[in-house]
Amino acid sequence: MTVGRGGKRGKTSGRGGKGQSARAGNKRRPEWRDIIKKLPKLRGRGVNQNKPISDYMKVVNVGRIEGAFSAGDIVTPATLIEKGVVYTQSGRIPAIKILGDGEITKAVKISGCFISGSAKEKIEKAGGAVTVIVDKVVVKNPGAGGIVGIPKVVVAKPKKAVKVAKAPKPEKTEKAAKPAKEAKEKKAK
C-alpha cells in the first residue's frame, strides 16, 4: 500500500482519497478567472468612445444672423441661444464660430464668438464691430452659472507679487527674564 508522501496525517497525508486533488502538482485554474478573461477590456474613453475629445464648434452663418437680429444688437453665444439660432449642448453654452455664408446689411456687434475672415469683412462692411477672441478659456466652476467652454478674451497676466519684508520680532526685556530666573531658583531649593 502506497502511503501519502510528506506530512504527519497518516495514510493520505491530509489529501483525502484518490483523484486530481490528491496528486502532486495539484493547482487547478480558478473558474472565475476564465469568466474574467471573457469580459471585454475597457479601452479608449469608455462610454464616450464616439464623442470627440475637443468639442465641436457650432457654426452660424452671417445670413442667419441677418434674419435673427436687428441693427445695433449684440451677438454673443447667450443671445444666439435666446433667439433660437443655436441650442445648448448638455446644458452648456457651446463654442460658436461665425462663417461668411450669406449677406448681412445690419450693423451688429459680435463678441464671445470665433469668426472667419470673410464673415468679419462682411460684418465690418455693414457697419458692425467684431471683438476678436485670442484664446478659448474653459470655466470649470459649475457653481458659477454652469457655463463651460465659453470663449473669452484673454487678459494679460498680472505681474508677480512683490515679497514684503517682515517686521523684526521684539527682543526679550529684562523683566521677562527675571521671573524665569526666580522660578529656577525656587525649584533648586
Protein backbone atom coordinates (compact mmCIF):
# COMPACT_ATOMS: atom_id res chain seq x y z
CA MET A 1 0.00 0.00 0.00
CA THR A 2 1.36 3.43 -1.00
CA VAL A 3 1.22 5.95 1.78
CA GLY A 4 0.77 9.72 1.13
CA ARG A 5 4.14 11.45 0.96
CA GLY A 6 5.04 14.23 3.37
CA GLY A 7 3.05 15.37 6.31
CA LYS A 8 2.09 13.71 9.56
CA ARG A 9 -1.53 12.88 8.89
CA GLY A 10 -1.50 9.17 8.28
CA LYS A 11 -2.22 7.18 5.15
CA THR A 12 -3.25 10.02 2.74
CA SER A 13 -1.36 12.87 4.45
CA GLY A 14 -4.48 15.06 4.63
CA ARG A 15 -5.12 14.84 0.86
CA GLY A 16 -8.24 12.74 1.08
CA GLY A 17 -8.88 9.91 -1.36
CA LYS A 18 -7.61 9.41 -4.91
CA GLY A 19 -8.03 11.79 -7.80
CA GLN A 20 -6.57 15.03 -9.15
CA SER A 21 -6.69 16.77 -5.78
CA ALA A 22 -4.61 14.00 -4.16
CA ARG A 23 -1.75 14.16 -6.70
CA ALA A 24 1.42 16.19 -6.63
CA GLY A 25 1.33 19.47 -8.56
CA ASN A 26 -2.37 19.92 -7.92
CA LYS A 27 -3.23 23.51 -8.68
CA ARG A 28 -6.40 23.90 -10.69
CA ARG A 29 -7.20 27.11 -12.53
CA PRO A 30 -9.90 29.10 -10.70
CA GLU A 31 -13.20 29.11 -12.58
CA TRP A 32 -13.79 32.81 -12.00
CA ARG A 33 -10.55 33.63 -13.84
CA ASP A 34 -11.99 32.16 -17.05
CA ILE A 35 -15.11 34.27 -16.57
CA ILE A 36 -13.00 37.41 -16.15
CA LYS A 37 -10.96 36.61 -19.28
CA LYS A 38 -14.17 36.52 -21.34
CA LEU A 39 -15.16 40.07 -20.33
CA PRO A 40 -14.08 42.80 -22.77
CA LYS A 41 -11.26 45.12 -21.74
CA LEU A 42 -12.10 48.75 -21.04
CA ARG A 43 -10.30 50.51 -23.85
CA GLY A 44 -10.33 54.07 -25.07
CA ARG A 45 -12.58 56.57 -23.33
CA GLY A 46 -15.22 54.14 -22.09
CA VAL A 47 -18.83 55.06 -22.79
CA ASN A 48 -17.81 58.21 -24.67
CA GLN A 49 -15.78 56.47 -27.38
CA ASN A 50 -17.71 58.06 -30.20
CA LYS A 51 -17.54 61.59 -28.83
CA PRO A 52 -14.58 63.75 -29.81
CA ILE A 53 -12.12 64.86 -27.16
CA SER A 54 -12.49 68.50 -28.16
CA ASP A 55 -15.99 69.92 -28.50
CA TYR A 56 -17.15 70.81 -31.99
CA MET A 57 -17.91 74.46 -32.58
CA LYS A 58 -21.46 75.29 -33.57
CA VAL A 59 -21.47 77.04 -36.93
CA VAL A 60 -23.63 80.12 -37.59
CA ASN A 61 -23.60 81.94 -40.92
CA VAL A 62 -23.99 85.70 -41.29
CA GLY A 63 -27.18 85.19 -43.30
CA ARG A 64 -28.76 83.58 -40.23
CA ILE A 65 -27.66 86.49 -38.01
CA GLU A 66 -29.24 88.90 -40.52
CA GLY A 67 -32.64 87.22 -40.06
CA ALA A 68 -32.49 86.76 -36.28
CA PHE A 69 -31.05 90.10 -35.08
CA SER A 70 -31.91 93.74 -35.68
CA ALA A 71 -29.46 96.59 -36.26
CA GLY A 72 -27.40 97.57 -33.21
CA ASP A 73 -27.88 94.23 -31.38
CA ILE A 74 -25.02 92.50 -29.63
CA VAL A 75 -24.42 88.93 -30.82
CA THR A 76 -22.99 86.60 -28.15
CA PRO A 77 -23.34 82.85 -27.57
CA ALA A 78 -26.04 83.57 -24.96
CA THR A 79 -28.08 85.81 -27.28
CA LEU A 80 -27.80 83.26 -30.10
CA ILE A 81 -29.35 80.67 -27.76
CA GLU A 82 -32.09 83.09 -26.67
CA LYS A 83 -33.05 83.77 -30.31
CA GLY A 84 -33.09 80.02 -31.07
CA VAL A 85 -30.27 80.16 -33.60
CA VAL A 86 -28.13 77.73 -31.57
CA TYR A 87 -29.02 75.19 -28.88
CA THR A 88 -27.15 74.23 -25.72
CA GLN A 89 -25.10 71.03 -25.51
CA SER A 90 -25.97 69.07 -22.36
CA GLY A 91 -26.98 72.31 -20.65
CA ARG A 92 -23.77 74.09 -21.64
CA ILE A 93 -23.31 77.01 -23.97
CA PRO A 94 -21.21 75.73 -26.88
CA ALA A 95 -18.30 77.45 -28.63
CA ILE A 96 -19.62 79.24 -31.72
CA LYS A 97 -17.92 80.14 -34.98
CA ILE A 98 -19.48 82.63 -37.37
CA LEU A 99 -18.89 81.94 -41.06
CA GLY A 100 -19.37 84.21 -44.05
CA ASP A 101 -22.13 82.38 -45.96
CA GLY A 102 -24.97 84.74 -46.87
CA GLU A 103 -25.28 88.53 -46.80
CA ILE A 104 -25.63 90.95 -43.90
CA THR A 105 -26.79 94.57 -44.07
CA LYS A 106 -27.44 95.26 -40.36
CA ALA A 107 -24.73 96.70 -38.12
CA VAL A 108 -24.35 94.21 -35.26
CA LYS A 109 -21.67 93.87 -32.59
CA ILE A 110 -20.17 90.38 -32.23
CA SER A 111 -18.33 89.25 -29.12
CA GLY A 112 -17.53 85.92 -27.49
CA CYS A 113 -17.58 84.03 -30.81
CA PHE A 114 -14.90 82.77 -33.15
CA ILE A 115 -15.20 84.30 -36.59
CA SER A 116 -13.87 83.61 -40.07
CA GLY A 117 -12.09 86.25 -42.15
CA SER A 118 -14.87 86.57 -44.74
CA ALA A 119 -17.55 86.93 -42.03
CA LYS A 120 -15.50 89.62 -40.28
CA GLU A 121 -15.17 91.57 -43.55
CA LYS A 122 -18.92 91.39 -44.25
CA ILE A 123 -19.89 92.50 -40.72
CA GLU A 124 -17.44 95.41 -40.70
CA LYS A 125 -18.55 96.41 -44.21
CA ALA A 126 -22.16 96.58 -42.94
CA GLY A 127 -21.03 98.91 -40.12
CA GLY A 128 -20.79 96.32 -37.36
CA ALA A 129 -17.98 95.59 -34.92
CA VAL A 130 -16.15 92.39 -34.02
CA THR A 131 -14.32 91.62 -30.77
CA VAL A 132 -11.54 89.17 -31.64
CA ILE A 133 -11.03 86.17 -29.38
CA VAL A 134 -7.43 85.38 -28.54
CA ASP A 135 -7.88 82.05 -26.80
CA LYS A 136 -10.57 79.64 -25.65
CA VAL A 137 -10.88 79.53 -21.87
CA VAL A 138 -12.79 76.70 -20.18
CA VAL A 139 -14.52 77.65 -16.94
CA LYS A 140 -14.62 74.63 -14.64
CA ASN A 141 -16.79 76.08 -11.89
CA PRO A 142 -20.32 74.74 -12.35
CA GLY A 143 -21.45 76.78 -9.33
CA ALA A 144 -20.95 79.99 -11.32
CA GLY A 145 -23.85 79.50 -13.70
CA GLY A 146 -22.71 76.14 -15.06
CA ILE A 147 -21.29 77.76 -18.19
CA VAL A 148 -18.40 75.71 -19.53
CA GLY A 149 -16.47 76.20 -22.73
CA ILE A 150 -17.38 79.81 -23.46
CA PRO A 151 -14.66 81.50 -25.45
CA LYS A 152 -13.39 84.59 -23.67
CA VAL A 153 -10.95 87.36 -24.41
CA VAL A 154 -7.75 86.57 -22.58
CA VAL A 155 -6.43 89.37 -20.40
CA ALA A 156 -2.70 89.84 -19.77
CA LYS A 157 -1.46 88.04 -16.65
CA PRO A 158 -0.67 90.24 -13.64
CA LYS A 159 2.94 90.67 -12.59
CA LYS A 160 4.36 88.56 -9.79
CA ALA A 161 3.65 89.79 -6.28
CA VAL A 162 6.50 91.53 -4.50
CA LYS A 163 7.52 89.99 -1.19
CA VAL A 164 7.06 92.29 1.78
CA ALA A 165 9.78 92.22 4.45
CA LYS A 166 8.56 91.02 7.84
CA ALA A 167 8.88 93.30 10.85
CA PRO A 168 11.61 92.16 13.29
CA LYS A 169 10.44 90.43 16.45
CA PRO A 170 10.75 92.49 19.65
CA GLU A 171 13.67 91.46 21.83
CA LYS A 172 13.10 89.99 25.28
CA THR A 173 13.26 92.52 28.07
CA GLU A 174 14.90 92.06 31.45
CA LYS A 175 11.50 91.95 33.16
CA ALA A 176 10.55 88.83 31.24
CA ALA A 177 13.88 87.17 32.08
CA LYS A 178 13.76 87.85 35.87
CA PRO A 179 10.63 85.74 36.64
CA ALA A 180 12.18 82.83 34.76
CA LYS A 181 15.37 83.07 36.89
CA GLU A 182 13.31 83.28 40.08
CA ALA A 183 11.34 80.16 39.06
CA LYS A 184 14.57 78.22 38.52
CA GLU A 185 15.95 79.31 41.88
CA LYS A 186 12.75 78.20 43.65
CA LYS A 187 12.94 74.77 42.02
CA ALA A 188 16.59 74.40 43.02
CA LYS A 189 15.71 74.99 46.72
